[in-house]
Protein backbone atom coordinates (compact mmCIF):
# COMPACT_ATOMS: atom_id res chain seq x y z
CA VAL A 1 109.47 121.15 152.06
CA GLU A 2 106.04 122.75 152.58
CA PRO A 3 102.91 120.90 151.03
CA SER A 4 101.47 122.45 147.97
CA TYR A 5 97.84 122.93 147.12
CA HIS A 6 95.82 122.15 144.12
CA VAL A 7 92.18 123.43 143.29
CA MET A 8 90.88 120.09 142.18
CA PRO A 9 91.58 117.08 144.55
CA MET A 10 94.42 115.01 143.16
CA SER A 11 95.81 111.53 144.11
CA ASN A 12 98.35 109.32 142.61
CA VAL A 13 96.88 106.29 140.89
CA PHE A 14 99.30 103.40 140.52
CA ARG A 15 98.93 100.11 138.85
CA GLU A 16 100.82 96.92 139.21
CA ASP A 17 103.52 96.24 136.64
CA VAL A 18 102.43 93.11 134.52
CA PRO A 19 104.89 91.90 132.27
CA ILE A 20 103.58 91.18 128.58
CA ALA A 21 104.98 89.71 125.53
CA SER A 22 106.78 92.23 123.35
CA LEU A 23 107.68 92.10 119.83
CA SER A 24 110.54 89.62 118.63
CA GLN A 25 113.61 90.97 116.81
CA GLU A 26 112.52 90.02 113.53
CA GLU A 27 109.13 91.71 114.09
CA ALA A 28 110.75 94.91 115.26
CA LEU A 29 113.14 94.89 112.34
CA SER A 30 110.33 94.26 109.84
CA ASN A 31 108.90 97.48 110.99
CA ALA A 32 111.79 99.58 110.61
CA PRO A 33 112.53 101.34 107.33
CA LYS A 34 116.35 100.55 107.44
CA ASN A 35 118.23 97.72 109.45
CA GLN A 36 121.79 96.25 109.53
CA ASP A 37 123.33 93.46 111.40
CA GLY A 38 120.17 93.12 113.56
CA PHE A 39 119.90 96.62 114.54
CA ILE A 40 117.54 99.29 113.50
CA LYS A 41 119.52 101.96 111.31
CA ALA A 42 118.75 105.41 111.77
CA PRO A 43 120.08 108.65 110.18
CA ARG A 44 123.20 110.07 111.87
CA MET A 45 122.21 113.02 114.18
CA MET A 46 124.50 116.00 114.91
C-alpha cells in the first residue's frame, strides 16, 4: 500500500489507558428512565 499524504502534518497521539472508577449498578439504574430485574429497559426496536 502506497503511503498517502495530507496537507497538514498529522501524527497519532496515544495515551496510556488508566482504569478509573465507574458507576455502580445502582447508580446506573437510577439514571435510567425504566429498569427491570437489574437491567435498563429500553423500547423494543424493529
